[in-house]
PDB file of N, CA and C in Angstrom:
ATOM      1  N   GLY A   1     -81.776  26.852 166.157  1.00  0.00           N
ATOM      2  CA  GLY A   1     -83.021  26.175 166.340  1.00  0.00           C
ATOM      3  C   GLY A   1     -84.062  26.492 165.293  1.00  0.00           C
ATOM      4  N   LEU A   2     -83.675  27.011 164.119  1.00  0.00           N
ATOM      5  CA  LEU A   2     -84.646  27.303 163.068  1.00  0.00           C
ATOM      6  C   LEU A   2     -84.783  26.115 162.122  1.00  0.00           C
ATOM      7  N   SER A   3     -85.998  25.927 161.603  1.00  0.00           N
ATOM      8  CA  SER A   3     -86.211  24.941 160.552  1.00  0.00           C
ATOM      9  C   SER A   3     -87.020  25.601 159.440  1.00  0.00           C
ATOM     10  N   TYR A   4     -86.842  25.094 158.231  1.00  0.00           N
ATOM     11  CA  TYR A   4     -87.454  25.697 157.053  1.00  0.00           C
ATOM     12  C   TYR A   4     -88.306  24.672 156.324  1.00  0.00           C
ATOM     13  N   THR A   5     -89.500  25.090 155.933  1.00  0.00           N
ATOM     14  CA  THR A   5     -90.352  24.285 155.071  1.00  0.00           C
ATOM     15  C   THR A   5     -90.890  25.203 153.981  1.00  0.00           C
ATOM     16  N   TRP A   6     -91.350  24.601 152.908  1.00  0.00           N
ATOM     17  CA  TRP A   6     -91.908  25.373 151.794  1.00  0.00           C
ATOM     18  C   TRP A   6     -93.324  24.912 151.517  1.00  0.00           C
ATOM     19  N   ILE A   7     -94.164  25.886 151.187  1.00  0.00           N
ATOM     20  CA  ILE A   7     -95.554  25.644 150.803  1.00  0.00           C
ATOM     21  C   ILE A   7     -95.643  25.869 149.293  1.00  0.00           C
ATOM     22  N   PHE A   8     -96.262  24.938 148.582  1.00  0.00           N
ATOM     23  CA  PHE A   8     -96.462  25.060 147.138  1.00  0.00           C
ATOM     24  C   PHE A   8     -97.960  25.077 146.876  1.00  0.00           C
ATOM     25  N   ASN A   9     -98.458  26.219 146.385  1.00  0.00           N
ATOM     26  CA  ASN A   9     -99.900  26.364 146.107  1.00  0.00           C
ATOM     27  C   ASN A   9    -100.741  25.917 147.306  1.00  0.00           C
ATOM     28  N   ASN A  10    -100.384  26.409 148.489  1.00  0.00           N
ATOM     29  CA  ASN A  10    -101.102  26.157 149.741  1.00  0.00           C
ATOM     30  C   ASN A  10    -100.986  24.725 150.269  1.00  0.00           C
ATOM     31  N   ASN A  11    -100.057  23.923 149.728  1.00  0.00           N
ATOM     32  CA  ASN A  11     -99.809  22.569 150.230  1.00  0.00           C
ATOM     33  C   ASN A  11     -98.337  22.456 150.624  1.00  0.00           C
ATOM     34  N   THR A  12     -98.065  21.833 151.764  1.00  0.00           N
ATOM     35  CA  THR A  12     -96.685  21.650 152.208  1.00  0.00           C
ATOM     36  C   THR A  12     -95.938  20.743 151.241  1.00  0.00           C
ATOM     37  N   LEU A  13     -94.750  21.185 150.796  1.00  0.00           N
ATOM     38  CA  LEU A  13     -93.921  20.364 149.914  1.00  0.00           C
ATOM     39  C   LEU A  13     -93.328  19.212 150.710  1.00  0.00           C
ATOM     40  N   SER A  14     -93.419  18.020 150.182  1.00  0.00           N
ATOM     41  CA  SER A  14     -92.837  16.852 150.824  1.00  0.00           C
ATOM     42  C   SER A  14     -91.539  16.521 150.096  1.00  0.00           C
ATOM     43  N   VAL A  15     -90.474  17.296 150.391  1.00  0.00           N
ATOM     44  CA  VAL A  15     -89.224  17.133 149.654  1.00  0.00           C
ATOM     45  C   VAL A  15     -88.502  15.828 149.984  1.00  0.00           C
ATOM     46  N   GLN A  16     -88.789  15.215 151.130  1.00  0.00           N
ATOM     47  CA  GLN A  16     -88.139  13.958 151.463  1.00  0.00           C
ATOM     48  C   GLN A  16     -88.514  12.863 150.474  1.00  0.00           C
ATOM     49  N   GLU A  17     -89.691  12.974 149.874  1.00  0.00           N
ATOM     50  CA  GLU A  17     -90.158  11.958 148.938  1.00  0.00           C
ATOM     51  C   GLU A  17     -89.901  12.348 147.489  1.00  0.00           C
ATOM     52  N   ASP A  18     -89.212  13.481 147.275  1.00  0.00           N
ATOM     53  CA  ASP A  18     -89.025  14.005 145.927  1.00  0.00           C
ATOM     54  C   ASP A  18     -87.528  14.199 145.674  1.00  0.00           C
ATOM     55  N   GLY A  19     -86.959  13.402 144.794  1.00  0.00           N
ATOM     56  CA  GLY A  19     -85.536  13.498 144.507  1.00  0.00           C
ATOM     57  C   GLY A  19     -85.129  14.733 143.727  1.00  0.00           C
ATOM     58  N   ARG A  20     -86.096  15.506 143.222  1.00  0.00           N
ATOM     59  CA  ARG A  20     -85.767  16.708 142.440  1.00  0.00           C
ATOM     60  C   ARG A  20     -85.702  17.962 143.291  1.00  0.00           C
ATOM     61  N   ARG A  21     -86.234  17.930 144.495  1.00  0.00           N
ATOM     62  CA  ARG A  21     -86.285  19.141 145.329  1.00  0.00           C
ATOM     63  C   ARG A  21     -85.470  18.939 146.596  1.00  0.00           C
ATOM     64  N   PHE A  22     -84.870  20.051 147.049  1.00  0.00           N
ATOM     65  CA  PHE A  22     -84.043  20.012 148.247  1.00  0.00           C
ATOM     66  C   PHE A  22     -84.201  21.335 148.983  1.00  0.00           C
ATOM     67  N   VAL A  23     -84.410  21.276 150.294  1.00  0.00           N
ATOM     68  CA  VAL A  23     -84.474  22.471 151.133  1.00  0.00           C
ATOM     69  C   VAL A  23     -83.259  22.462 152.048  1.00  0.00           C
ATOM     70  N   SER A  24     -82.419  23.487 151.904  1.00  0.00           N
ATOM     71  CA  SER A  24     -81.253  23.601 152.771  1.00  0.00           C
ATOM     72  C   SER A  24     -81.703  24.026 154.160  1.00  0.00           C
ATOM     73  N   GLN A  25     -81.372  23.241 155.174  1.00  0.00           N
ATOM     74  CA  GLN A  25     -81.714  23.607 156.547  1.00  0.00           C
ATOM     75  C   GLN A  25     -80.691  24.589 157.108  1.00  0.00           C
ATOM     76  N   GLU A  26     -79.660  24.891 156.336  1.00  0.00           N
ATOM     77  CA  GLU A  26     -78.678  25.905 156.719  1.00  0.00           C
ATOM     78  C   GLU A  26     -79.146  27.294 156.285  1.00  0.00           C
ATOM     79  N   THR A  27     -79.624  27.403 155.038  1.00  0.00           N
ATOM     80  CA  THR A  27     -80.013  28.709 154.488  1.00  0.00           C
ATOM     81  C   THR A  27     -81.512  28.867 154.299  1.00  0.00           C
ATOM     82  N   GLY A  28     -82.250  27.760 154.231  1.00  0.00           N
ATOM     83  CA  GLY A  28     -83.676  27.808 153.943  1.00  0.00           C
ATOM     84  C   GLY A  28     -83.994  27.832 152.460  1.00  0.00           C
ATOM     85  N   ASN A  29     -82.970  27.876 151.603  1.00  0.00           N
ATOM     86  CA  ASN A  29     -83.188  27.931 150.161  1.00  0.00           C
ATOM     87  C   ASN A  29     -83.830  26.649 149.646  1.00  0.00           C
ATOM     88  N   LEU A  30     -84.705  26.813 148.661  1.00  0.00           N
ATOM     89  CA  LEU A  30     -85.329  25.688 147.972  1.00  0.00           C
ATOM     90  C   LEU A  30     -84.647  25.539 146.623  1.00  0.00           C
ATOM     91  N   TYR A  31     -84.175  24.338 146.324  1.00  0.00           N
ATOM     92  CA  TYR A  31     -83.538  24.059 145.042  1.00  0.00           C
ATOM     93  C   TYR A  31     -84.376  23.024 144.308  1.00  0.00           C
ATOM     94  N   ILE A  32     -84.598  23.253 143.011  1.00  0.00           N
ATOM     95  CA  ILE A  32     -85.369  22.330 142.184  1.00  0.00           C
ATOM     96  C   ILE A  32     -84.501  21.926 141.001  1.00  0.00           C
ATOM     97  N   ALA A  33     -84.288  20.633 140.825  1.00  0.00           N
ATOM     98  CA  ALA A  33     -83.529  20.125 139.691  1.00  0.00           C
ATOM     99  C   ALA A  33     -84.485  19.822 138.552  1.00  0.00           C
ATOM    100  N   LYS A  34     -84.133  20.262 137.356  1.00  0.00           N
ATOM    101  CA  LYS A  34     -84.914  19.990 136.149  1.00  0.00           C
ATOM    102  C   LYS A  34     -86.377  20.391 136.327  1.00  0.00           C
ATOM    103  N   VAL A  35     -86.617  21.688 136.295  1.00  0.00           N
ATOM    104  CA  VAL A  35     -87.972  22.225 136.476  1.00  0.00           C
ATOM    105  C   VAL A  35     -88.910  21.675 135.407  1.00  0.00           C
ATOM    106  N   GLU A  36     -90.106  21.278 135.844  1.00  0.00           N
ATOM    107  CA  GLU A  36     -91.124  20.733 134.957  1.00  0.00           C
ATOM    108  C   GLU A  36     -92.371  21.604 135.011  1.00  0.00           C
ATOM    109  N   PRO A  37     -93.260  21.490 134.030  1.00  0.00           N
ATOM    110  CA  PRO A  37     -94.490  22.299 134.042  1.00  0.00           C
ATOM    111  C   PRO A  37     -95.294  22.150 135.334  1.00  0.00           C
ATOM    112  N   SER A  38     -95.239  20.986 135.971  1.00  0.00           N
ATOM    113  CA  SER A  38     -95.994  20.789 137.212  1.00  0.00           C
ATOM    114  C   SER A  38     -95.412  21.593 138.381  1.00  0.00           C
ATOM    115  N   ASP A  39     -94.214  22.165 138.198  1.00  0.00           N
ATOM    116  CA  ASP A  39     -93.589  22.984 139.247  1.00  0.00           C
ATOM    117  C   ASP A  39     -94.079  24.431 139.231  1.00  0.00           C
ATOM    118  N   VAL A  40     -94.805  24.821 138.206  1.00  0.00           N
ATOM    119  CA  VAL A  40     -95.300  26.194 138.096  1.00  0.00           C
ATOM    120  C   VAL A  40     -96.331  26.458 139.187  1.00  0.00           C
ATOM    121  N   GLY A  41     -96.181  27.580 139.871  1.00  0.00           N
ATOM    122  CA  GLY A  41     -97.121  27.940 140.928  1.00  0.00           C
ATOM    123  C   GLY A  41     -96.471  28.885 141.918  1.00  0.00           C
ATOM    124  N   ASN A  42     -97.071  29.011 143.081  1.00  0.00           N
ATOM    125  CA  ASN A  42     -96.578  29.913 144.117  1.00  0.00           C
ATOM    126  C   ASN A  42     -95.883  29.137 145.231  1.00  0.00           C
ATOM    127  N   TYR A  43     -94.701  29.607 145.603  1.00  0.00           N
ATOM    128  CA  TYR A  43     -93.901  28.993 146.662  1.00  0.00           C
ATOM    129  C   TYR A  43     -93.784  29.972 147.823  1.00  0.00           C
ATOM    130  N   THR A  44     -94.005  29.477 149.032  1.00  0.00           N
ATOM    131  CA  THR A  44     -93.932  30.301 150.238  1.00  0.00           C
ATOM    132  C   THR A  44     -93.054  29.592 151.261  1.00  0.00           C
ATOM    133  N   CYS A  45     -92.072  30.316 151.804  1.00  0.00           N
ATOM    134  CA  CYS A  45     -91.184  29.759 152.815  1.00  0.00           C
ATOM    135  C   CYS A  45     -91.780  29.979 154.206  1.00  0.00           C
ATOM    136  N   VAL A  46     -91.691  28.949 155.052  1.00  0.00           N
ATOM    137  CA  VAL A  46     -92.132  29.041 156.443  1.00  0.00           C
ATOM    138  C   VAL A  46     -90.925  28.737 157.326  1.00  0.00           C
ATOM    139  N   VAL A  47     -90.589  29.695 158.196  1.00  0.00           N
ATOM    140  CA  VAL A  47     -89.474  29.531 159.125  1.00  0.00           C
ATOM    141  C   VAL A  47     -90.059  29.278 160.508  1.00  0.00           C
ATOM    142  N   THR A  48     -89.597  28.203 161.156  1.00  0.00           N
ATOM    143  CA  THR A  48     -90.112  27.826 162.471  1.00  0.00           C
ATOM    144  C   THR A  48     -88.990  27.856 163.498  1.00  0.00           C
ATOM    145  N   ASN A  49     -89.272  28.509 164.618  1.00  0.00           N
ATOM    146  CA  ASN A  49     -88.363  28.507 165.764  1.00  0.00           C
ATOM    147  C   ASN A  49     -89.002  27.600 166.810  1.00  0.00           C
ATOM    148  N   ALA A  50     -88.451  26.393 166.951  1.00  0.00           N
ATOM    149  CA  ALA A  50     -89.051  25.405 167.846  1.00  0.00           C
ATOM    150  C   ALA A  50     -89.009  25.858 169.300  1.00  0.00           C
ATOM    151  N   LYS A  51     -87.939  26.521 169.712  1.00  0.00           N
ATOM    152  CA  LYS A  51     -87.820  26.948 171.109  1.00  0.00           C
ATOM    153  C   LYS A  51     -88.862  28.003 171.455  1.00  0.00           C
ATOM    154  N   ALA A  52     -89.099  28.932 170.538  1.00  0.00           N
ATOM    155  CA  ALA A  52     -90.096  29.980 170.775  1.00  0.00           C
ATOM    156  C   ALA A  52     -91.502  29.524 170.392  1.00  0.00           C
ATOM    157  N   GLU A  53     -91.602  28.341 169.786  1.00  0.00           N
ATOM    158  CA  GLU A  53     -92.886  27.805 169.324  1.00  0.00           C
ATOM    159  C   GLU A  53     -93.608  28.795 168.427  1.00  0.00           C
ATOM    160  N   GLN A  54     -92.847  29.387 167.478  1.00  0.00           N
ATOM    161  CA  GLN A  54     -93.423  30.351 166.545  1.00  0.00           C
ATOM    162  C   GLN A  54     -92.986  30.043 165.126  1.00  0.00           C
ATOM    163  N   SER A  55     -93.860  30.358 164.191  1.00  0.00           N
ATOM    164  CA  SER A  55     -93.560  30.224 162.768  1.00  0.00           C
ATOM    165  C   SER A  55     -93.879  31.538 162.073  1.00  0.00           C
ATOM    166  N   VAL A  56     -93.088  31.839 161.055  1.00  0.00           N
ATOM    167  CA  VAL A  56     -93.311  33.037 160.242  1.00  0.00           C
ATOM    168  C   VAL A  56     -93.386  32.597 158.791  1.00  0.00           C
ATOM    169  N   ARG A  57     -94.397  33.070 158.096  1.00  0.00           N
ATOM    170  CA  ARG A  57     -94.599  32.724 156.690  1.00  0.00           C
ATOM    171  C   ARG A  57     -94.198  33.925 155.838  1.00  0.00           C
ATOM    172  N   GLY A  58     -93.339  33.686 154.854  1.00  0.00           N
ATOM    173  CA  GLY A  58     -92.912  34.745 153.943  1.00  0.00           C
ATOM    174  C   GLY A  58     -93.953  34.994 152.867  1.00  0.00           C
ATOM    175  N   PRO A  59     -93.690  35.975 151.999  1.00  0.00           N
ATOM    176  CA  PRO A  59     -94.619  36.243 150.897  1.00  0.00           C
ATOM    177  C   PRO A  59     -94.498  35.160 149.826  1.00  0.00           C
ATOM    178  N   PRO A  60     -95.564  34.895 149.084  1.00  0.00           N
ATOM    179  CA  PRO A  60     -95.479  33.890 148.015  1.00  0.00           C
ATOM    180  C   PRO A  60     -94.584  34.379 146.873  1.00  0.00           C
ATOM    181  N   THR A  61     -93.829  33.448 146.314  1.00  0.00           N
ATOM    182  CA  THR A  61     -92.961  33.735 145.170  1.00  0.00           C
ATOM    183  C   THR A  61     -93.449  32.887 144.001  1.00  0.00           C
ATOM    184  N   PRO A  62     -93.882  33.524 142.908  1.00  0.00           N
ATOM    185  CA  PRO A  62     -94.372  32.742 141.770  1.00  0.00           C
ATOM    186  C   PRO A  62     -93.228  32.167 140.944  1.00  0.00           C
ATOM    187  N   LEU A  63     -93.412  30.931 140.466  1.00  0.00           N
ATOM    188  CA  LEU A  63     -92.477  30.305 139.535  1.00  0.00           C
ATOM    189  C   LEU A  63     -93.206  30.121 138.220  1.00  0.00           C
ATOM    190  N   THR A  64     -92.631  30.660 137.151  1.00  0.00           N
ATOM    191  CA  THR A  64     -93.186  30.489 135.817  1.00  0.00           C
ATOM    192  C   THR A  64     -92.122  29.898 134.909  1.00  0.00           C
ATOM    193  N   LEU A  65     -92.532  29.276 133.831  1.00  0.00           N
ATOM    194  CA  LEU A  65     -91.593  28.730 132.860  1.00  0.00           C
ATOM    195  C   LEU A  65     -91.369  29.731 131.743  1.00  0.00           C
ATOM    196  N   ARG A  66     -90.133  29.817 131.300  1.00  0.00           N
ATOM    197  CA  ARG A  66     -89.831  30.679 130.158  1.00  0.00           C
ATOM    198  C   ARG A  66     -90.384  30.017 128.905  1.00  0.00           C
ATOM    199  N   THR A  67     -90.920  30.831 128.014  1.00  0.00           N
ATOM    200  CA  THR A  67     -91.452  30.286 126.768  1.00  0.00           C
ATOM    201  C   THR A  67     -90.587  30.656 125.574  1.00  0.00           C
ATOM    202  N   ASP A  68     -89.512  31.440 125.820  1.00  0.00           N
ATOM    203  CA  ASP A  68     -88.667  31.865 124.708  1.00  0.00           C
ATOM    204  C   ASP A  68     -87.533  30.887 124.404  1.00  0.00           C
ATOM    205  N   GLY A  69     -87.420  29.817 125.191  1.00  0.00           N
ATOM    206  CA  GLY A  69     -86.397  28.820 124.938  1.00  0.00           C
ATOM    207  C   GLY A  69     -84.995  29.243 125.323  1.00  0.00           C
ATOM    208  N   VAL A  70     -84.830  30.408 125.949  1.00  0.00           N
ATOM    209  CA  VAL A  70     -83.503  30.896 126.314  1.00  0.00           C
ATOM    210  C   VAL A  70     -83.124  30.369 127.692  1.00  0.00           C
ATOM    211  N   MET A  71     -81.985  29.737 127.771  1.00  0.00           N
ATOM    212  CA  MET A  71     -81.460  29.268 129.060  1.00  0.00           C
ATOM    213  C   MET A  71     -80.382  30.236 129.503  1.00  0.00           C
ATOM    214  N   GLY A  72     -80.346  30.529 130.775  1.00  0.00           N
ATOM    215  CA  GLY A  72     -79.259  31.337 131.306  1.00  0.00           C
ATOM    216  C   GLY A  72     -77.964  30.545 131.283  1.00  0.00           C
ATOM    217  N   GLU A  73     -76.854  31.226 131.387  1.00  0.00           N
ATOM    218  CA  GLU A  73     -75.558  30.557 131.420  1.00  0.00           C
ATOM    219  C   GLU A  73     -75.211  30.208 132.856  1.00  0.00           C
ATOM    220  N   TYR A  74     -75.313  28.954 133.195  1.00  0.00           N
ATOM    221  CA  TYR A  74     -74.993  28.488 134.538  1.00  0.00           C
ATOM    222  C   TYR A  74     -73.868  27.475 134.441  1.00  0.00           C
ATOM    223  N   GLU A  75     -72.686  27.881 134.884  1.00  0.00           N
ATOM    224  CA  GLU A  75     -71.580  26.940 134.847  1.00  0.00           C
ATOM    225  C   GLU A  75     -71.725  25.936 135.980  1.00  0.00           C
ATOM    226  N   PRO A  76     -71.326  24.692 135.745  1.00  0.00           N
ATOM    227  CA  PRO A  76     -71.413  23.694 136.818  1.00  0.00           C
ATOM    228  C   PRO A  76     -70.523  24.085 137.995  1.00  0.00           C
ATOM    229  N   LYS A  77     -71.043  23.934 139.198  1.00  0.00           N
ATOM    230  CA  LYS A  77     -70.246  24.192 140.395  1.00  0.00           C
ATOM    231  C   LYS A  77     -70.844  23.432 141.562  1.00  0.00           C
ATOM    232  N   ILE A  78     -70.020  23.174 142.551  1.00  0.00           N
ATOM    233  CA  ILE A  78     -70.448  22.505 143.772  1.00  0.00           C
ATOM    234  C   ILE A  78     -70.681  23.576 144.825  1.00  0.00           C
ATOM    235  N   GLU A  79     -71.859  23.552 145.448  1.00  0.00           N
ATOM    236  CA  GLU A  79     -72.203  24.511 146.496  1.00  0.00           C
ATOM    237  C   GLU A  79     -71.994  23.858 147.857  1.00  0.00           C
ATOM    238  N   VAL A  80     -71.086  24.412 148.642  1.00  0.00           N
ATOM    239  CA  VAL A  80     -70.899  23.953 150.006  1.00  0.00           C
ATOM    240  C   VAL A  80     -70.798  25.170 150.915  1.00  0.00           C
ATOM    241  N   HIS A  81     -71.346  25.073 152.085  1.00  0.00           N
ATOM    242  CA  HIS A  81     -71.294  26.159 153.064  1.00  0.00           C
ATOM    243  C   HIS A  81     -70.907  25.567 154.414  1.00  0.00           C
ATOM    244  N   PHE A  82     -69.698  25.036 154.499  1.00  0.00           N
ATOM    245  CA  PHE A  82     -69.240  24.436 155.735  1.00  0.00           C
ATOM    246  C   PHE A  82     -68.477  25.450 156.567  1.00  0.00           C
ATOM    247  N   PRO A  83     -68.645  25.422 157.886  1.00  0.00           N
ATOM    248  CA  PRO A  83     -67.782  26.239 158.742  1.00  0.00           C
ATOM    249  C   PRO A  83     -66.362  25.681 158.672  1.00  0.00           C
ATOM    250  N   GLU A  84     -65.377  26.490 159.070  1.00  0.00           N
ATOM    251  CA  GLU A  84     -63.984  26.027 159.008  1.00  0.00           C
ATOM    252  C   GLU A  84     -63.769  24.781 159.853  1.00  0.00           C
ATOM    253  N   THR A  85     -64.410  24.722 161.019  1.00  0.00           N
ATOM    254  CA  THR A  85     -64.272  23.573 161.908  1.00  0.00           C
ATOM    255  C   THR A  85     -65.648  23.113 162.357  1.00  0.00           C
ATOM    256  N   ILE A  86     -65.855  21.821 162.336  1.00  0.00           N
ATOM    257  CA  ILE A  86     -67.109  21.250 162.814  1.00  0.00           C
ATOM    258  C   ILE A  86     -66.779  20.361 164.005  1.00  0.00           C
ATOM    259  N   TYR A  87     -67.344  20.672 165.156  1.00  0.00           N
ATOM    260  CA  TYR A  87     -67.124  19.889 166.363  1.00  0.00           C
ATOM    261  C   TYR A  87     -68.300  18.944 166.571  1.00  0.00           C
ATOM    262  N   ALA A  88     -67.991  17.722 166.941  1.00  0.00           N
ATOM    263  CA  ALA A  88     -69.042  16.741 167.206  1.00  0.00           C
ATOM    264  C   ALA A  88     -68.578  15.811 168.314  1.00  0.00           C
ATOM    265  N   ALA A  89     -69.517  15.438 169.166  1.00  0.00           N
ATOM    266  CA  ALA A  89     -69.218  14.476 170.224  1.00  0.00           C
ATOM    267  C   ALA A  89     -69.120  13.085 169.622  1.00  0.00           C
ATOM    268  N   LYS A  90     -68.252  12.270 170.188  1.00  0.00           N
ATOM    269  CA  LYS A  90     -68.096  10.900 169.719  1.00  0.00           C
ATOM    270  C   LYS A  90     -69.435  10.173 169.796  1.00  0.00           C
ATOM    271  N   GLY A  91     -69.797   9.518 168.702  1.00  0.00           N
ATOM    272  CA  GLY A  91     -71.041   8.770 168.646  1.00  0.00           C
ATOM    273  C   GLY A  91     -72.245   9.589 168.199  1.00  0.00           C
ATOM    274  N   SER A  92     -72.056  10.912 168.027  1.00  0.00           N
ATOM    275  CA  SER A  92     -73.175  11.749 167.574  1.00  0.00           C
ATOM    276  C   SER A  92     -73.230  11.765 166.045  1.00  0.00           C
ATOM    277  N   SER A  93     -74.299  12.295 165.494  1.00  0.00           N
ATOM    278  CA  SER A  93     -74.466  12.392 164.045  1.00  0.00           C
ATOM    279  C   SER A  93     -74.237  13.825 163.590  1.00  0.00           C
ATOM    280  N   VAL A  94     -73.633  13.972 162.415  1.00  0.00           N
ATOM    281  CA  VAL A  94     -73.387  15.284 161.826  1.00  0.00           C
ATOM    282  C   VAL A  94     -73.963  15.275 160.425  1.00  0.00           C
ATOM    283  N   LYS A  95     -74.692  16.325 160.043  1.00  0.00           N
ATOM    284  CA  LYS A  95     -75.263  16.427 158.709  1.00  0.00           C
ATOM    285  C   LYS A  95     -74.540  17.533 157.946  1.00  0.00           C
ATOM    286  N   LEU A  96     -73.979  17.201 156.775  1.00  0.00           N
ATOM    287  CA  LEU A  96     -73.319  18.167 155.917  1.00  0.00           C
ATOM    288  C   LEU A  96     -74.107  18.266 154.615  1.00  0.00           C
ATOM    289  N   GLU A  97     -74.273  19.469 154.091  1.00  0.00           N
ATOM    290  CA  GLU A  97     -75.014  19.678 152.854  1.00  0.00           C
ATOM    291  C   GLU A  97     -74.040  20.010 151.722  1.00  0.00           C
ATOM    292  N   CYS A  98     -74.155  19.293 150.638  1.00  0.00           N
ATOM    293  CA  CYS A  98     -73.339  19.546 149.456  1.00  0.00           C
ATOM    294  C   CYS A  98     -74.187  19.181 148.244  1.00  0.00           C
ATOM    295  N   PHE A  99     -74.252  20.067 147.257  1.00  0.00           N
ATOM    296  CA  PHE A  99     -75.024  19.761 146.079  1.00  0.00           C
ATOM    297  C   PHE A  99     -74.452  20.508 144.881  1.00  0.00           C
ATOM    298  N   ALA A 100     -74.791  20.045 143.682  1.00  0.00           N
ATOM    299  CA  ALA A 100     -74.233  20.615 142.467  1.00  0.00           C
ATOM    300  C   ALA A 100     -75.252  21.499 141.768  1.00  0.00           C
ATOM    301  N   LEU A 101     -74.754  22.572 141.170  1.00  0.00           N
ATOM    302  CA  LEU A 101     -75.567  23.456 140.338  1.00  0.00           C
ATOM    303  C   LEU A 101     -75.017  23.393 138.916  1.00  0.00           C
ATOM    304  N   GLY A 102     -75.843  23.640 137.958  1.00  0.00           N
ATOM    305  CA  GLY A 102     -75.377  23.663 136.569  1.00  0.00           C
ATOM    306  C   GLY A 102     -76.474  23.297 135.612  1.00  0.00           C
ATOM    307  N   LYS A 103     -76.105  23.198 134.339  1.00  0.00           N
ATOM    308  CA  LYS A 103     -77.118  22.802 133.357  1.00  0.00           C
ATOM    309  C   LYS A 103     -76.656  21.617 132.580  1.00  0.00           C
TER     310      LYS A 103
END
């Protein structure tokens, strides 16, 4: 029953309207494709437990751009975190997360 949202410079990120950002509802991780200067700032994760009606805000994490032009070595790979078996009732909806990393 946990959900994850991210705050960027004290404003809630609207990732549904942004094709470059993705928040995994499985891990809470925030992924940004092709970082731009407008992405520089402080990011804070908020975890909400709907059943307990409570939210916890993590510490802010600053994002800065490298100015030395050095890119890390990131080999392309597909990130999936599926359980071995997924059970679903007939007619229900299932959401699976799969995305690519790389440069």
